[in-house]
Amino acid sequence: MTVTVTNGLLKARGAWAETAPTTEGQRLLILNLMPTKLSTERQFLQRLAAGDTDVEVTFMYPTSHRFKSLPRQVVAEHYVTLADVADQYFDGLIITGAPVETIDFEAVDYWQEFLTITDWAQTHVGQTLYECWAAQAGLYAQFGIQKQRVGHKVFGIYAATATDVQSPLISGLSAGGLLKMPQSRHTELVLPASSPAGLQVVAENNEVGPLILTAPEQHAVYVTGHPEYEQQTLADEYFRDQRKHLPIQLPEHYFADSQLTTVDYSWRTASNRFYQNWLATLSLTKVGY
């Protein structure tokens, strides 16, 4: 696949190979809420580049966020805001996770902007893919589903059981334990006994709950983990928390040796296929074209 980036930190540093723009591919907008913006850009671009569909990617940031990891001016120079693209249309929007899951939704500094962006997406984006915190936030905003703290961090690689084997999102992944996903979160969904009308659980894990949910009327997919993560991302998080003397357990189903030097990259194929499956669904929900 050819992935063309219109902006972003990787592009500014010449760290993403430039290719000729395409008029045939899909236009994606990525709202990058992660503090590790550079590595998050790379993770998503590499996943998107693993398939055979051309994509043009634009990175966006919330203007109401108080930045800690990067100077605001750096982000503003290389990312767009909602105001910059408000009159444009995109095939897909990806909203990343964010390290704010233990904060009440309404207390997040960009909460109102998050709601404005998701409302705008209903008429300007074919489909929105919410990940990790964003998935919890989207489900709360659209279905009133709450979150709660867990006893210890949900941290590791978890295999999924398909609950909707006909879903195109898990085409080629619903058998043989192929669908695996990194998880890194301190909260979980508080789902009612029966799912709200219009919300479908596509895949779940007995230990950590739903992994993929869909809401066709909202043109939304909710993923509770991080399929974009690279091979060493969980290891980096584990050793980072150790250095900070934070409570952290070994990521489950991840390290392949007792010395913690080798990682079983068991989710790579599944993650690449998941994003390709998601891209394939965007042609069904085009808007504004």
Protein backbone atom coordinates (compact mmCIF):
# COMPACT_ATOMS: atom_id res chain seq x y z
CA MET A 1 0.00 0.00 0.00
CA THR A 2 1.06 3.58 -0.63
CA VAL A 3 0.56 5.75 2.45
CA THR A 4 0.89 9.46 1.78
CA VAL A 5 1.05 11.83 4.75
CA THR A 6 -0.06 15.43 4.36
CA ASN A 7 1.47 16.59 7.66
CA GLY A 8 2.81 15.30 10.98
CA LEU A 9 6.09 15.09 12.84
CA LEU A 10 7.48 12.22 10.80
CA LYS A 11 6.91 14.15 7.59
CA ALA A 12 8.54 17.25 9.08
CA ARG A 13 11.63 15.23 9.97
CA GLY A 14 11.77 13.47 6.62
CA ALA A 15 11.29 10.17 8.46
CA TRP A 16 8.42 8.89 6.30
CA ALA A 17 9.20 8.11 2.69
CA GLU A 18 7.39 10.53 0.39
CA THR A 19 5.32 9.05 -2.40
CA ALA A 20 3.24 10.54 -5.15
CA PRO A 21 -0.27 11.52 -3.96
CA THR A 22 -3.10 9.38 -5.22
CA THR A 23 -6.62 10.38 -6.17
CA GLU A 24 -7.82 6.80 -5.97
CA GLY A 25 -7.07 6.03 -2.32
CA GLN A 26 -8.93 6.66 0.91
CA ARG A 27 -8.57 9.83 2.95
CA LEU A 28 -7.99 9.26 6.66
CA LEU A 29 -7.89 11.72 9.53
CA ILE A 30 -6.10 10.63 12.73
CA LEU A 31 -6.81 12.50 15.97
CA ASN A 32 -3.57 11.74 17.81
CA LEU A 33 -4.16 12.06 21.56
CA MET A 34 -1.06 10.15 22.63
CA PRO A 35 1.83 12.03 24.27
CA THR A 36 4.25 9.87 22.25
CA LYS A 37 3.11 11.51 19.04
CA LEU A 38 6.09 10.58 16.88
CA SER A 39 6.01 6.87 17.67
CA THR A 40 2.21 6.79 17.48
CA GLU A 41 2.33 8.28 13.99
CA ARG A 42 4.83 5.63 12.94
CA GLN A 43 2.80 2.79 14.44
CA PHE A 44 -0.37 3.69 12.57
CA LEU A 45 1.37 4.47 9.30
CA GLN A 46 3.22 1.16 9.35
CA ARG A 47 -0.01 -0.75 9.98
CA LEU A 48 -1.79 1.07 7.19
CA ALA A 49 1.14 0.48 4.84
CA ALA A 50 1.00 -3.29 5.36
CA GLY A 51 -1.90 -3.82 2.97
CA ASP A 52 -2.80 -3.10 -0.63
CA THR A 53 -5.02 0.01 -0.40
CA ASP A 54 -3.67 3.50 -1.02
CA VAL A 55 -4.28 5.92 1.83
CA GLU A 56 -3.74 9.63 2.42
CA VAL A 57 -3.34 10.46 6.12
CA THR A 58 -3.77 13.80 7.90
CA PHE A 59 -2.99 14.20 11.62
CA MET A 60 -5.15 16.36 13.90
CA TYR A 61 -4.85 17.55 17.51
CA PRO A 62 -7.28 19.02 20.07
CA THR A 63 -6.64 22.73 20.56
CA SER A 64 -8.04 22.68 24.11
CA HIS A 65 -5.40 20.25 25.41
CA ARG A 66 -2.69 21.45 27.81
CA PHE A 67 0.45 19.85 26.42
CA LYS A 68 3.15 18.36 28.63
CA SER A 69 5.30 16.15 26.40
CA LEU A 70 5.73 18.54 23.46
CA PRO A 71 5.61 22.32 23.04
CA ARG A 72 2.19 23.36 21.76
CA GLN A 73 3.79 25.32 18.92
CA VAL A 74 5.52 22.20 17.58
CA VAL A 75 2.25 20.30 17.39
CA ALA A 76 0.34 23.27 15.99
CA GLU A 77 2.88 23.71 13.18
CA HIS A 78 2.59 20.11 12.00
CA TYR A 79 -1.00 19.08 12.83
CA VAL A 80 -4.39 20.41 11.74
CA THR A 81 -7.28 21.40 13.97
CA LEU A 82 -10.96 20.71 13.45
CA ALA A 83 -11.38 24.28 12.22
CA ASP A 84 -8.82 23.60 9.48
CA VAL A 85 -10.75 20.64 8.05
CA ALA A 86 -14.32 21.41 9.10
CA ASP A 87 -15.53 21.75 5.50
CA GLN A 88 -13.71 18.63 4.27
CA TYR A 89 -14.82 14.99 4.04
CA PHE A 90 -12.84 11.89 4.97
CA ASP A 91 -13.37 8.20 4.43
CA GLY A 92 -12.28 7.39 7.97
CA LEU A 93 -11.32 8.95 11.29
CA ILE A 94 -9.09 7.18 13.82
CA ILE A 95 -9.09 8.50 17.38
CA THR A 96 -6.17 7.14 19.38
CA GLY A 97 -5.93 6.19 23.01
CA ALA A 98 -4.82 8.69 25.64
CA PRO A 99 -3.31 8.40 29.15
CA VAL A 100 -6.37 9.98 30.80
CA GLU A 101 -8.45 6.89 31.49
CA THR A 102 -8.42 7.26 35.30
CA ILE A 103 -9.85 10.80 34.99
CA ASP A 104 -13.61 11.35 34.75
CA PHE A 105 -14.56 11.92 31.13
CA GLU A 106 -15.91 15.39 31.78
CA ALA A 107 -12.70 16.36 33.62
CA VAL A 108 -10.48 15.73 30.57
CA ASP A 109 -9.44 19.16 29.30
CA TYR A 110 -10.46 18.43 25.70
CA TRP A 111 -13.70 16.58 26.51
CA GLN A 112 -16.01 19.14 24.92
CA GLU A 113 -13.78 19.29 21.86
CA PHE A 114 -13.82 15.49 21.67
CA LEU A 115 -17.64 15.61 21.60
CA THR A 116 -17.60 18.34 18.95
CA ILE A 117 -15.24 16.29 16.76
CA THR A 118 -17.30 13.10 17.08
CA ASP A 119 -20.50 15.01 16.26
CA TRP A 120 -18.82 16.58 13.22
CA ALA A 121 -17.65 13.14 12.12
CA GLN A 122 -21.25 11.93 11.82
CA THR A 123 -21.69 14.10 8.72
CA HIS A 124 -18.12 14.44 7.43
CA VAL A 125 -16.53 11.01 7.98
CA GLY A 126 -17.55 7.65 6.59
CA GLN A 127 -16.61 5.75 9.77
CA THR A 128 -14.80 6.43 13.04
CA LEU A 129 -12.43 3.95 14.67
CA TYR A 130 -12.09 4.63 18.42
CA GLU A 131 -9.17 3.00 20.25
CA CYS A 132 -8.53 2.30 23.96
CA TRP A 133 -9.53 5.42 25.96
CA ALA A 134 -11.26 6.83 22.90
CA ALA A 135 -13.34 3.65 22.65
CA GLN A 136 -14.48 4.06 26.26
CA ALA A 137 -15.12 7.76 25.67
CA GLY A 138 -17.12 7.11 22.50
CA LEU A 139 -19.24 4.44 24.16
CA TYR A 140 -19.90 6.74 27.11
CA ALA A 141 -20.87 9.69 24.90
CA GLN A 142 -23.03 7.68 22.51
CA PHE A 143 -24.50 4.94 24.73
CA GLY A 144 -23.98 6.13 28.33
CA ILE A 145 -21.70 3.16 29.09
CA GLN A 146 -19.56 3.81 32.15
CA LYS A 147 -16.01 2.73 32.93
CA GLN A 148 -14.48 1.58 36.22
CA ARG A 149 -11.01 1.09 37.66
CA VAL A 150 -9.62 -2.44 37.67
CA GLY A 151 -7.64 -4.02 40.50
CA HIS A 152 -4.47 -4.07 38.44
CA LYS A 153 -3.63 -2.84 34.97
CA VAL A 154 -5.01 -4.77 32.01
CA PHE A 155 -1.64 -5.29 30.39
CA GLY A 156 -0.51 -7.82 27.81
CA ILE A 157 -1.56 -9.65 24.67
CA TYR A 158 -5.01 -11.22 24.67
CA ALA A 159 -6.62 -13.58 22.18
CA ALA A 160 -10.17 -12.89 21.07
CA THR A 161 -13.19 -15.11 20.65
CA ALA A 162 -15.48 -14.00 17.84
CA THR A 163 -19.06 -13.29 18.89
CA ASP A 164 -20.07 -12.10 15.41
CA VAL A 165 -18.25 -14.34 12.96
CA GLN A 166 -19.96 -12.64 10.02
CA SER A 167 -18.44 -9.25 10.78
CA PRO A 168 -16.13 -8.09 7.96
CA LEU A 169 -13.85 -6.59 10.62
CA ILE A 170 -12.60 -10.03 11.58
CA SER A 171 -12.63 -11.63 8.16
CA GLY A 172 -9.85 -14.21 8.10
CA LEU A 173 -9.31 -13.89 11.86
CA SER A 174 -12.27 -15.61 13.47
CA ALA A 175 -10.80 -19.11 13.60
CA GLY A 176 -7.73 -20.66 15.17
CA GLY A 177 -7.02 -17.96 17.73
CA LEU A 178 -5.53 -15.66 15.12
CA LEU A 179 -7.01 -12.44 16.49
CA LYS A 180 -4.79 -11.14 19.29
CA MET A 181 -4.54 -7.61 20.60
CA PRO A 182 -2.28 -5.61 22.95
CA GLN A 183 -4.06 -4.09 25.95
CA SER A 184 -2.70 -1.39 28.26
CA ARG A 185 -5.33 0.23 30.48
CA HIS A 186 -6.38 0.81 34.07
CA THR A 187 -10.13 0.76 33.45
CA GLU A 188 -12.77 -1.47 31.94
CA LEU A 189 -16.23 -1.05 30.46
CA VAL A 190 -19.28 -1.47 32.67
CA LEU A 191 -21.58 -3.12 30.17
CA PRO A 192 -25.27 -3.65 30.99
CA ALA A 193 -26.71 -7.17 31.10
CA SER A 194 -27.94 -6.71 27.54
CA SER A 195 -26.17 -4.54 25.01
CA PRO A 196 -27.86 -1.24 24.10
CA ALA A 197 -29.81 -1.29 20.86
CA GLY A 198 -27.50 -0.70 17.93
CA LEU A 199 -24.32 -1.84 19.69
CA GLN A 200 -22.76 -5.17 18.76
CA VAL A 201 -19.85 -6.98 20.41
CA VAL A 202 -17.77 -8.49 17.60
CA ALA A 203 -14.94 -10.10 19.59
CA GLU A 204 -14.16 -10.52 23.28
CA ASN A 205 -11.76 -12.13 25.73
CA ASN A 206 -12.90 -13.98 28.85
CA GLU A 207 -10.25 -12.25 30.98
CA VAL A 208 -10.57 -8.64 29.86
CA GLY A 209 -13.97 -8.31 28.21
CA PRO A 210 -14.92 -6.93 24.77
CA LEU A 211 -12.10 -6.21 22.34
CA ILE A 212 -14.08 -5.02 19.30
CA LEU A 213 -17.56 -3.47 19.20
CA THR A 214 -19.51 -1.82 16.38
CA ALA A 215 -22.40 0.64 16.12
CA PRO A 216 -23.58 0.95 12.51
CA GLU A 217 -25.90 3.91 13.11
CA GLN A 218 -23.01 5.85 14.66
CA HIS A 219 -20.72 4.70 11.82
CA ALA A 220 -18.36 3.59 14.58
CA VAL A 221 -15.97 0.81 15.56
CA TYR A 222 -14.67 0.64 19.13
CA VAL A 223 -11.46 -1.22 19.93
CA THR A 224 -10.55 -1.48 23.62
CA GLY A 225 -6.84 -2.12 23.00
CA HIS A 226 -3.94 -1.02 20.82
CA PRO A 227 -3.66 -3.12 17.64
CA GLU A 228 -1.24 -0.49 16.29
CA TYR A 229 1.42 -1.26 18.93
CA GLU A 230 4.84 -2.32 17.70
CA GLN A 231 6.80 -5.31 18.96
CA GLN A 232 8.57 -3.47 21.81
CA THR A 233 5.85 -1.02 22.87
CA LEU A 234 4.61 -3.00 25.88
CA ALA A 235 8.18 -3.71 26.96
CA ASP A 236 8.97 0.00 26.78
CA GLU A 237 5.90 0.76 28.92
CA TYR A 238 6.80 -1.93 31.46
CA PHE A 239 10.41 -0.78 31.95
CA ARG A 240 9.31 2.89 31.96
CA ASP A 241 6.93 2.26 34.85
CA GLN A 242 9.58 0.26 36.67
CA ARG A 243 12.02 3.18 36.41
CA LYS A 244 9.35 5.49 37.80
CA HIS A 245 8.67 3.03 40.67
CA LEU A 246 5.04 2.75 39.62
CA PRO A 247 3.03 -0.40 40.40
CA ILE A 248 3.24 -2.57 37.31
CA GLN A 249 3.04 -6.30 36.64
CA LEU A 250 4.60 -8.19 33.76
CA PRO A 251 2.52 -7.92 30.59
CA GLU A 252 0.66 -11.18 30.14
CA HIS A 253 1.31 -13.53 27.21
CA TYR A 254 4.07 -11.23 25.95
CA PHE A 255 7.67 -11.93 26.99
CA ALA A 256 8.97 -15.15 25.47
CA ASP A 257 11.84 -15.68 27.92
CA SER A 258 12.47 -15.31 31.65
CA GLN A 259 15.17 -12.68 31.06
CA LEU A 260 12.56 -10.36 29.50
CA THR A 261 14.68 -9.81 26.42
CA THR A 262 12.58 -11.59 23.79
CA VAL A 263 9.04 -10.73 22.76
CA ASP A 264 6.59 -13.03 21.01
CA TYR A 265 5.25 -10.73 18.28
CA SER A 266 2.11 -12.82 18.00
CA TRP A 267 -0.35 -10.04 17.13
CA ARG A 268 1.40 -8.53 14.11
CA THR A 269 -0.43 -10.44 11.37
CA ALA A 270 -3.80 -10.04 13.10
CA SER A 271 -3.33 -6.30 13.57
CA ASN A 272 -2.32 -5.75 9.96
CA ARG A 273 -5.33 -7.73 8.78
CA PHE A 274 -7.71 -5.91 11.14
CA TYR A 275 -6.78 -2.51 9.74
CA GLN A 276 -7.12 -3.79 6.18
CA ASN A 277 -10.55 -5.18 7.04
CA TRP A 278 -11.54 -1.84 8.54
CA LEU A 279 -10.35 0.07 5.48
CA ALA A 280 -12.38 -2.27 3.28
CA THR A 281 -15.58 -1.30 5.15
CA LEU A 282 -15.09 2.42 4.51
CA SER A 283 -16.33 2.21 0.94
CA LEU A 284 -19.75 1.27 2.36
CA THR A 285 -20.14 4.48 4.36
CA LYS A 286 -18.82 7.31 2.19
CA VAL A 287 -20.18 10.79 2.92
CA GLY A 288 -19.98 14.10 1.11
CA TYR A 289 -18.61 12.68 -2.15
